[in-house]
C-alpha atoms as a PDB file:
ATOM      1  CA  MET A   1     160.493 112.001  63.957  1.00  0.00           C
ATOM      2  CA  PRO A   2     163.164 114.936  63.299  1.00  0.00           C
ATOM      3  CA  ILE A   3     163.090 117.832  65.690  1.00  0.00           C
ATOM      4  CA  ASP A   4     163.006 121.290  63.753  1.00  0.00           C
ATOM      5  CA  VAL A   5     166.462 122.779  64.581  1.00  0.00           C
ATOM      6  CA  LYS A   6     164.470 126.087  64.982  1.00  0.00           C
ATOM      7  CA  ILE A   7     162.851 124.272  68.173  1.00  0.00           C
ATOM      8  CA  ILE A   8     166.025 123.104  69.500  1.00  0.00           C
ATOM      9  CA  SER A   9     167.608 126.150  69.102  1.00  0.00           C
ATOM     10  CA  ALA A  10     164.621 127.987  71.110  1.00  0.00           C
ATOM     11  CA  LEU A  11     164.795 125.847  73.605  1.00  0.00           C
ATOM     12  CA  GLU A  12     168.536 126.102  74.117  1.00  0.00           C
ATOM     13  CA  THR A  13     167.852 129.707  74.957  1.00  0.00           C
ATOM     14  CA  HIS A  14     165.099 129.335  77.208  1.00  0.00           C
ATOM     15  CA  ALA A  15     167.759 127.007  79.050  1.00  0.00           C
ATOM     16  CA  ARG A  16     170.647 129.700  79.146  1.00  0.00           C
ATOM     17  CA  ALA A  17     167.987 131.917  80.509  1.00  0.00           C
ATOM     18  CA  VAL A  18     167.068 129.539  83.278  1.00  0.00           C
ATOM     19  CA  ARG A  19     170.391 128.872  84.259  1.00  0.00           C
ATOM     20  CA  ARG A  20     171.213 132.614  84.492  1.00  0.00           C
ATOM     21  CA  ASP A  21     167.827 133.012  86.725  1.00  0.00           C
ATOM     22  CA  ILE A  22     169.118 130.155  89.044  1.00  0.00           C
ATOM     23  CA  VAL A  23     172.472 131.726  89.615  1.00  0.00           C
ATOM     24  CA  GLN A  24     170.847 134.716  90.421  1.00  0.00           C
ATOM     25  CA  MET A  25     167.955 133.814  92.803  1.00  0.00           C
ATOM     26  CA  LEU A  26     170.491 131.371  94.651  1.00  0.00           C
ATOM     27  CA  THR A  27     172.981 134.456  95.250  1.00  0.00           C
ATOM     28  CA  LYS A  28     170.140 136.454  96.395  1.00  0.00           C
ATOM     29  CA  ALA A  29     168.752 134.012  98.592  1.00  0.00           C
ATOM     30  CA  GLU A  30     172.661 133.208 100.058  1.00  0.00           C
ATOM     31  CA  SER A  31     171.469 129.457 100.280  1.00  0.00           C
ATOM     32  CA  GLY A  32     170.093 126.717  97.968  1.00  0.00           C
ATOM     33  CA  HIS A  33     171.388 124.075  95.776  1.00  0.00           C
ATOM     34  CA  PRO A  34     172.745 125.023  92.572  1.00  0.00           C
ATOM     35  CA  GLY A  35     174.541 121.941  91.409  1.00  0.00           C
ATOM     36  CA  GLY A  36     171.441 119.833  90.403  1.00  0.00           C
ATOM     37  CA  SER A  37     169.475 122.671  89.533  1.00  0.00           C
ATOM     38  CA  LEU A  38     171.720 123.364  86.805  1.00  0.00           C
ATOM     39  CA  SER A  39     172.196 119.738  85.631  1.00  0.00           C
ATOM     40  CA  CYS A  40     168.349 119.126  85.368  1.00  0.00           C
ATOM     41  CA  THR A  41     167.736 122.384  83.467  1.00  0.00           C
ATOM     42  CA  ASP A  42     167.518 121.104  80.141  1.00  0.00           C
ATOM     43  CA  ILE A  43     164.721 118.829  80.728  1.00  0.00           C
ATOM     44  CA  VAL A  44     162.575 120.786  82.543  1.00  0.00           C
ATOM     45  CA  VAL A  45     162.998 123.545  79.977  1.00  0.00           C
ATOM     46  CA  ALA A  46     162.243 120.676  77.173  1.00  0.00           C
ATOM     47  CA  LEU A  47     159.310 119.496  79.012  1.00  0.00           C
ATOM     48  CA  TYR A  48     157.514 123.008  79.760  1.00  0.00           C
ATOM     49  CA  PHE A  49     158.240 124.360  76.332  1.00  0.00           C
ATOM     50  CA  HIS A  50     157.747 121.529  74.211  1.00  0.00           C
ATOM     51  CA  VAL A  51     156.444 118.696  75.785  1.00  0.00           C
ATOM     52  CA  LEU A  52     153.906 119.276  78.455  1.00  0.00           C
ATOM     53  CA  GLN A  53     150.092 119.647  77.639  1.00  0.00           C
ATOM     54  CA  HIS A  54     149.565 122.462  80.179  1.00  0.00           C
ATOM     55  CA  ASP A  55     147.920 125.731  80.216  1.00  0.00           C
ATOM     56  CA  PRO A  56     149.615 128.487  82.886  1.00  0.00           C
ATOM     57  CA  ALA A  57     146.070 130.250  82.839  1.00  0.00           C
ATOM     58  CA  ARG A  58     144.386 127.162  84.065  1.00  0.00           C
ATOM     59  CA  PRO A  59     146.711 125.252  86.455  1.00  0.00           C
ATOM     60  CA  ASP A  60     143.890 122.775  87.915  1.00  0.00           C
ATOM     61  CA  TRP A  61     142.742 121.662  84.196  1.00  0.00           C
ATOM     62  CA  PRO A  62     141.801 118.115  84.635  1.00  0.00           C
ATOM     63  CA  ASP A  63     143.410 116.986  81.116  1.00  0.00           C
ATOM     64  CA  ARG A  64     147.072 118.599  81.833  1.00  0.00           C
ATOM     65  CA  ASP A  65     150.103 116.400  81.815  1.00  0.00           C
ATOM     66  CA  ARG A  66     151.650 116.461  85.127  1.00  0.00           C
ATOM     67  CA  PHE A  67     155.188 117.026  86.134  1.00  0.00           C
ATOM     68  CA  LEU A  68     156.730 116.281  89.477  1.00  0.00           C
ATOM     69  CA  MET A  69     159.946 117.400  90.763  1.00  0.00           C
ATOM     70  CA  SER A  70     160.736 114.382  93.331  1.00  0.00           C
ATOM     71  CA  LYS A  71     164.335 115.744  93.711  1.00  0.00           C
ATOM     72  CA  GLY A  72     162.871 118.880  95.540  1.00  0.00           C
ATOM     73  CA  HIS A  73     166.036 120.646  96.206  1.00  0.00           C
ATOM     74  CA  CYS A  74     166.393 121.386  92.661  1.00  0.00           C
ATOM     75  CA  ALA A  75     163.084 123.590  92.746  1.00  0.00           C
ATOM     76  CA  PRO A  76     164.990 126.668  91.653  1.00  0.00           C
ATOM     77  CA  ALA A  77     165.147 125.517  88.074  1.00  0.00           C
ATOM     78  CA  TRP A  78     161.591 124.641  88.036  1.00  0.00           C
ATOM     79  CA  TYR A  79     160.716 128.310  89.454  1.00  0.00           C
ATOM     80  CA  SER A  80     162.349 129.726  86.903  1.00  0.00           C
ATOM     81  CA  VAL A  81     160.483 127.475  84.016  1.00  0.00           C
ATOM     82  CA  LEU A  82     156.911 127.940  85.884  1.00  0.00           C
ATOM     83  CA  ALA A  83     157.623 131.863  85.801  1.00  0.00           C
ATOM     84  CA  ARG A  84     159.099 131.938  82.381  1.00  0.00           C
ATOM     85  CA  THR A  85     155.918 129.608  81.066  1.00  0.00           C
ATOM     86  CA  GLY A  86     153.488 132.258  82.788  1.00  0.00           C
ATOM     87  CA  TYR A  87     152.389 130.432  86.145  1.00  0.00           C
ATOM     88  CA  PHE A  88     153.526 133.684  88.070  1.00  0.00           C
ATOM     89  CA  PRO A  89     155.239 136.872  87.726  1.00  0.00           C
ATOM     90  CA  GLU A  90     158.719 136.671  87.141  1.00  0.00           C
ATOM     91  CA  ASP A  91     160.100 138.714  90.148  1.00  0.00           C
ATOM     92  CA  TRP A  92     158.792 136.496  92.512  1.00  0.00           C
ATOM     93  CA  LEU A  93     161.932 134.616  91.820  1.00  0.00           C
ATOM     94  CA  ASN A  94     163.835 137.377  93.675  1.00  0.00           C
ATOM     95  CA  GLY A  95     162.022 136.380  96.944  1.00  0.00           C
ATOM     96  CA  LEU A  96     163.381 132.424  96.880  1.00  0.00           C
ATOM     97  CA  ARG A  97     163.915 130.995 100.507  1.00  0.00           C
ATOM     98  CA  LYS A  98     162.786 134.492 102.179  1.00  0.00           C
ATOM     99  CA  LEU A  99     160.098 134.477 104.899  1.00  0.00           C
ATOM    100  CA  ASP A 100     156.501 134.655 103.406  1.00  0.00           C
ATOM    101  CA  SER A 101     157.791 134.286  99.899  1.00  0.00           C
ATOM    102  CA  LYS A 102     155.300 131.923  97.523  1.00  0.00           C
ATOM    103  CA  LEU A 103     159.228 130.173  96.685  1.00  0.00           C
ATOM    104  CA  GLN A 104     160.355 128.310  99.342  1.00  0.00           C
ATOM    105  CA  GLY A 105     163.195 126.063  99.304  1.00  0.00           C
ATOM    106  CA  HIS A 106     161.700 123.007  98.340  1.00  0.00           C
ATOM    107  CA  PRO A 107     158.275 122.851  96.297  1.00  0.00           C
ATOM    108  CA  ASP A 108     155.034 123.546  98.174  1.00  0.00           C
ATOM    109  CA  MET A 109     151.909 122.698  96.355  1.00  0.00           C
ATOM    110  CA  LEU A 110     149.905 125.047  98.662  1.00  0.00           C
ATOM    111  CA  LYS A 111     151.792 127.963  97.881  1.00  0.00           C
ATOM    112  CA  THR A 112     153.297 128.116  94.433  1.00  0.00           C
ATOM    113  CA  PRO A 113     151.148 128.202  91.117  1.00  0.00           C
ATOM    114  CA  GLY A 114     151.901 124.948  88.714  1.00  0.00           C
ATOM    115  CA  VAL A 115     153.657 122.674  91.512  1.00  0.00           C
ATOM    116  CA  GLU A 116     151.790 119.606  91.719  1.00  0.00           C
ATOM    117  CA  MET A 117     153.472 117.975  94.670  1.00  0.00           C
ATOM    118  CA  SER A 118     155.126 119.256  97.751  1.00  0.00           C
ATOM    119  CA  SER A 119     158.564 117.721  97.882  1.00  0.00           C
ATOM    120  CA  GLY A 120     161.935 117.773  99.512  1.00  0.00           C
ATOM    121  CA  SER A 121     161.890 114.554 101.492  1.00  0.00           C
ATOM    122  CA  LEU A 122     163.369 112.205  98.934  1.00  0.00           C
ATOM    123  CA  GLY A 123     161.722 109.155  97.236  1.00  0.00           C
ATOM    124  CA  GLN A 124     158.445 109.677  97.222  1.00  0.00           C
ATOM    125  CA  GLY A 125     157.672 111.156  94.055  1.00  0.00           C
ATOM    126  CA  LEU A 126     157.235 107.822  91.778  1.00  0.00           C
ATOM    127  CA  SER A 127     154.854 106.690  94.358  1.00  0.00           C
ATOM    128  CA  ILE A 128     153.051 109.909  93.896  1.00  0.00           C
ATOM    129  CA  ALA A 129     153.070 109.351  90.149  1.00  0.00           C
ATOM    130  CA  ASN A 130     152.060 106.071  90.442  1.00  0.00           C
ATOM    131  CA  GLY A 131     148.866 107.428  92.088  1.00  0.00           C
ATOM    132  CA  MET A 132     147.852 109.964  89.574  1.00  0.00           C
ATOM    133  CA  ALA A 133     148.280 107.664  86.876  1.00  0.00           C
ATOM    134  CA  LEU A 134     146.264 104.870  88.383  1.00  0.00           C
ATOM    135  CA  ALA A 135     143.780 107.888  88.758  1.00  0.00           C
ATOM    136  CA  ALA A 136     143.463 108.990  85.090  1.00  0.00           C
ATOM    137  CA  ARG A 137     142.953 105.477  84.048  1.00  0.00           C
ATOM    138  CA  LEU A 138     139.875 105.197  86.677  1.00  0.00           C
ATOM    139  CA  ASP A 139     138.692 108.748  85.528  1.00  0.00           C
ATOM    140  CA  GLY A 140     139.227 107.468  81.558  1.00  0.00           C
ATOM    141  CA  ARG A 141     141.797 110.318  81.058  1.00  0.00           C
ATOM    142  CA  SER A 142     144.881 110.016  78.681  1.00  0.00           C
ATOM    143  CA  HIS A 143     147.404 112.867  80.417  1.00  0.00           C
ATOM    144  CA  ARG A 144     150.668 111.636  81.145  1.00  0.00           C
ATOM    145  CA  ILE A 145     152.744 111.996  84.132  1.00  0.00           C
ATOM    146  CA  TYR A 146     156.451 112.963  84.249  1.00  0.00           C
ATOM    147  CA  VAL A 147     158.658 112.395  87.450  1.00  0.00           C
ATOM    148  CA  LEU A 148     162.320 113.771  87.663  1.00  0.00           C
ATOM    149  CA  LEU A 149     164.412 111.643  90.344  1.00  0.00           C
ATOM    150  CA  GLY A 150     168.029 112.087  91.513  1.00  0.00           C
ATOM    151  CA  ASP A 151     170.623 109.554  91.287  1.00  0.00           C
ATOM    152  CA  GLY A 152     171.248 109.795  94.878  1.00  0.00           C
ATOM    153  CA  GLU A 153     167.724 109.806  95.512  1.00  0.00           C
ATOM    154  CA  ILE A 154     167.066 106.402  94.035  1.00  0.00           C
ATOM    155  CA  GLN A 155     169.300 104.957  96.645  1.00  0.00           C
ATOM    156  CA  GLU A 156     166.040 104.814  98.720  1.00  0.00           C
ATOM    157  CA  GLY A 157     163.922 101.553  99.034  1.00  0.00           C
ATOM    158  CA  GLN A 158     160.479 103.494  98.383  1.00  0.00           C
ATOM    159  CA  VAL A 159     161.706 104.206  94.781  1.00  0.00           C
ATOM    160  CA  TRP A 160     162.140 100.344  93.982  1.00  0.00           C
ATOM    161  CA  GLU A 161     158.762  99.505  95.630  1.00  0.00           C
ATOM    162  CA  ALA A 162     157.264 102.136  93.519  1.00  0.00           C
ATOM    163  CA  ALA A 163     159.172 100.869  90.360  1.00  0.00           C
ATOM    164  CA  MET A 164     157.327  97.580  90.917  1.00  0.00           C
ATOM    165  CA  THR A 165     153.941  98.983  91.038  1.00  0.00           C
ATOM    166  CA  SER A 166     154.368 100.974  87.865  1.00  0.00           C
ATOM    167  CA  VAL A 167     155.063  97.764  85.795  1.00  0.00           C
ATOM    168  CA  HIS A 168     152.839  95.645  87.849  1.00  0.00           C
ATOM    169  CA  HIS A 169     150.205  98.162  86.919  1.00  0.00           C
ATOM    170  CA  LYS A 170     151.454  98.643  83.196  1.00  0.00           C
ATOM    171  CA  LEU A 171     151.364 102.161  83.615  1.00  0.00           C
ATOM    172  CA  ASP A 172     152.536 103.753  80.115  1.00  0.00           C
ATOM    173  CA  ASN A 173     151.291 106.974  81.082  1.00  0.00           C
ATOM    174  CA  VAL A 174     154.092 107.321  83.787  1.00  0.00           C
ATOM    175  CA  CYS A 175     157.436 108.643  82.218  1.00  0.00           C
ATOM    176  CA  ALA A 176     160.440 108.880  84.883  1.00  0.00           C
ATOM    177  CA  ILE A 177     163.753 110.458  84.557  1.00  0.00           C
ATOM    178  CA  VAL A 178     166.748 109.860  86.589  1.00  0.00           C
ATOM    179  CA  ASP A 179     169.120 113.395  86.510  1.00  0.00           C
ATOM    180  CA  ASN A 180     172.686 111.155  86.578  1.00  0.00           C
ATOM    181  CA  ASN A 181     174.780 113.336  87.497  1.00  0.00           C
ATOM    182  CA  GLY A 182     176.907 111.200  89.535  1.00  0.00           C
ATOM    183  CA  LEU A 183     177.191 113.773  92.745  1.00  0.00           C
ATOM    184  CA  GLN A 184     175.337 113.765  95.801  1.00  0.00           C
ATOM    185  CA  ILE A 185     175.711 115.912  98.942  1.00  0.00           C
ATOM    186  CA  ASP A 186     178.037 113.502 100.755  1.00  0.00           C
ATOM    187  CA  GLY A 187     180.050 112.899  97.548  1.00  0.00           C
ATOM    188  CA  PRO A 188     180.170 110.760  94.345  1.00  0.00           C
ATOM    189  CA  VAL A 189     177.184 108.251  94.185  1.00  0.00           C
ATOM    190  CA  GLU A 190     179.696 105.512  93.478  1.00  0.00           C
ATOM    191  CA  GLU A 191     181.291 105.909  96.552  1.00  0.00           C
ATOM    192  CA  VAL A 192     178.382 106.822  99.001  1.00  0.00           C
ATOM    193  CA  LYS A 193     176.050 103.497  98.000  1.00  0.00           C
ATOM    194  CA  SER A 194     176.719 102.366  94.659  1.00  0.00           C
ATOM    195  CA  LEU A 195     173.764 101.934  92.134  1.00  0.00           C
ATOM    196  CA  GLY A 196     175.735  99.438  89.855  1.00  0.00           C
ATOM    197  CA  SER A 197     174.232  99.772  86.359  1.00  0.00           C
ATOM    198  CA  ILE A 198     171.042 102.612  86.932  1.00  0.00           C
ATOM    199  CA  PRO A 199     170.024 101.120  82.949  1.00  0.00           C
ATOM    200  CA  ALA A 200     170.031  97.409  83.895  1.00  0.00           C
ATOM    201  CA  LYS A 201     168.383  97.723  87.031  1.00  0.00           C
ATOM    202  CA  TRP A 202     165.223  99.500  85.731  1.00  0.00           C
ATOM    203  CA  GLU A 203     165.434  97.281  82.733  1.00  0.00           C
ATOM    204  CA  GLY A 204     165.676  94.284  85.377  1.00  0.00           C
ATOM    205  CA  PHE A 205     162.262  95.692  87.116  1.00  0.00           C
ATOM    206  CA  GLY A 206     160.452  95.798  83.642  1.00  0.00           C
ATOM    207  CA  TRP A 207     160.614  99.435  82.710  1.00  0.00           C
ATOM    208  CA  ASN A 208     161.151 100.615  79.199  1.00  0.00           C
ATOM    209  CA  VAL A 209     164.546 102.103  79.427  1.00  0.00           C
ATOM    210  CA  ILE A 210     165.938 105.065  77.346  1.00  0.00           C
ATOM    211  CA  GLU A 211     169.581 106.551  77.993  1.00  0.00           C
ATOM    212  CA  ILE A 212     170.577 110.010  76.677  1.00  0.00           C
ATOM    213  CA  ASP A 213     172.935 112.762  77.099  1.00  0.00           C
ATOM    214  CA  GLY A 214     170.638 115.325  79.474  1.00  0.00           C
ATOM    215  CA  HIS A 215     171.882 118.104  77.633  1.00  0.00           C
ATOM    216  CA  ASN A 216     171.537 117.490  74.245  1.00  0.00           C
ATOM    217  CA  MET A 217     167.792 118.750  73.720  1.00  0.00           C
ATOM    218  CA  SER A 218     167.911 116.960  70.224  1.00  0.00           C
ATOM    219  CA  GLU A 219     168.066 113.608  72.438  1.00  0.00           C
ATOM    220  CA  ILE A 220     166.283 114.745  75.259  1.00  0.00           C
ATOM    221  CA  LEU A 221     163.003 115.624  72.828  1.00  0.00           C
ATOM    222  CA  ASP A 222     163.226 112.186  70.789  1.00  0.00           C
ATOM    223  CA  ALA A 223     163.596 110.370  74.157  1.00  0.00           C
ATOM    224  CA  PHE A 224     159.995 111.990  75.131  1.00  0.00           C
ATOM    225  CA  GLN A 225     158.787 111.268  71.850  1.00  0.00           C
ATOM    226  CA  ARG A 226     159.854 107.506  72.091  1.00  0.00           C
ATOM    227  CA  ALA A 227     158.522 106.998  75.580  1.00  0.00           C
ATOM    228  CA  ASP A 228     154.915 108.681  74.402  1.00  0.00           C
ATOM    229  CA  SER A 229     154.726 105.836  71.972  1.00  0.00           C
ATOM    230  CA  VAL A 230     155.302 103.172  74.447  1.00  0.00           C
ATOM    231  CA  LYS A 231     152.553 100.833  75.580  1.00  0.00           C
ATOM    232  CA  GLY A 232     152.028  98.764  78.844  1.00  0.00           C
ATOM    233  CA  GLN A 233     155.053  99.650  80.016  1.00  0.00           C
ATOM    234  CA  PRO A 234     156.338 102.706  82.215  1.00  0.00           C
ATOM    235  CA  THR A 235     159.353 104.452  80.738  1.00  0.00           C
ATOM    236  CA  MET A 236     162.779 105.480  82.595  1.00  0.00           C
ATOM    237  CA  ILE A 237     165.039 107.980  80.880  1.00  0.00           C
ATOM    238  CA  VAL A 238     168.464 107.788  82.267  1.00  0.00           C
ATOM    239  CA  ALA A 239     169.568 111.170  81.277  1.00  0.00           C
ATOM    240  CA  HIS A 240     173.643 111.464  82.065  1.00  0.00           C
ATOM    241  CA  THR A 241     174.048 115.248  83.302  1.00  0.00           C
ATOM    242  CA  VAL A 242     176.972 117.504  84.719  1.00  0.00           C
ATOM    243  CA  LYS A 243     176.472 118.584  88.086  1.00  0.00           C
ATOM    244  CA  GLY A 244     176.631 122.128  87.727  1.00  0.00           C
ATOM    245  CA  LYS A 245     176.243 122.740  83.831  1.00  0.00           C
ATOM    246  CA  GLY A 246     177.174 125.650  82.297  1.00  0.00           C
ATOM    247  CA  VAL A 247     179.195 127.162  85.219  1.00  0.00           C
ATOM    248  CA  SER A 248     182.720 125.981  84.405  1.00  0.00           C
ATOM    249  CA  PHE A 249     183.581 126.214  88.262  1.00  0.00           C
ATOM    250  CA  MET A 250     180.751 124.605  89.424  1.00  0.00           C
ATOM    251  CA  GLU A 251     180.657 121.652  86.993  1.00  0.00           C
ATOM    252  CA  ASN A 252     181.546 118.526  88.707  1.00  0.00           C
ATOM    253  CA  VAL A 253     182.424 119.846  91.972  1.00  0.00           C
ATOM    254  CA  VAL A 254     180.277 118.531  94.702  1.00  0.00           C
ATOM    255  CA  ASP A 255     180.822 121.437  97.126  1.00  0.00           C
ATOM    256  CA  TYR A 256     178.194 123.262  94.784  1.00  0.00           C
ATOM    257  CA  HIS A 257     175.449 120.486  95.832  1.00  0.00           C
ATOM    258  CA  GLY A 258     173.916 122.782  98.583  1.00  0.00           C
ATOM    259  CA  VAL A 259     176.325 126.119  98.577  1.00  0.00           C
ATOM    260  CA  ALA A 260     174.937 129.304  97.079  1.00  0.00           C
ATOM    261  CA  PRO A 261     177.292 131.364  94.577  1.00  0.00           C
ATOM    262  CA  THR A 262     178.971 134.528  96.525  1.00  0.00           C
ATOM    263  CA  GLU A 263     178.533 137.680  94.594  1.00  0.00           C
ATOM    264  CA  ASP A 264     181.865 137.369  93.072  1.00  0.00           C
ATOM    265  CA  GLU A 265     180.755 133.850  91.564  1.00  0.00           C
ATOM    266  CA  CYS A 266     177.434 135.184  90.513  1.00  0.00           C
ATOM    267  CA  VAL A 267     179.271 137.864  87.964  1.00  0.00           C
ATOM    268  CA  ARG A 268     181.978 135.336  86.934  1.00  0.00           C
ATOM    269  CA  ALA A 269     179.058 132.636  86.190  1.00  0.00           C
ATOM    270  CA  LEU A 270     176.789 135.279  84.199  1.00  0.00           C
ATOM    271  CA  ALA A 271     179.797 136.503  82.323  1.00  0.00           C
ATOM    272  CA  GLU A 272     180.669 132.906  81.589  1.00  0.00           C
ATOM    273  CA  MET A 273     176.649 132.382  80.456  1.00  0.00           C
ATOM    274  CA  ASN A 274     176.512 135.759  78.466  1.00  0.00           C
END
């Protein structure tokens, strides 16, 4: 079903605001991971502002859809979206990575409203999504579970055990997304440990696979619509993205995987995004 252009425009506006938040909060924190946070922004915005059934006033609503940030180091994008959808005050963003802050460098479900899973140790998100999906089935509930993985993350063996489990149990309420930006902390994914064809691998494991431009809001929403219609099979959305998207001097630069912007870089980045 075609997506209203007004919806697309509104989501793109939200994404620009989130990218500004990411740059500002990481600059204040003087540490963090801008590259992957910026590359996954459009996906997280689309989920929270359009796709997910959720209620910030009732973060424990039993029938809510679940979102898991398996690539937990990219929490700044998630924190900005959670704040902007009403889970907590926006001024919390200024405390990122500070002592006693509710917004730590990696998501903590015991501290941060709206966080469904503590993450940071990579490779675990899909396993947890499977558990949530099976629990929903046993409880007779129809909510969906969305889990965001990094392309470097899926080099880990636990991900592929979980991939087999999803298919074995026909978990059609699981939708995974790979933020396929091609870079990880040590360099290009292809050089660190080649994954070959990511879509072919997931298809070979029995998943319904959809490939998209992870910065094209229309394609993102269409992919989530298509995933929702698939029965008897989990869906993997392979989102081709750009590390550091939205800040020209960060785009496709591996050094910005885990280095916060300086004050001068923050000014340059915000000028670009404005």
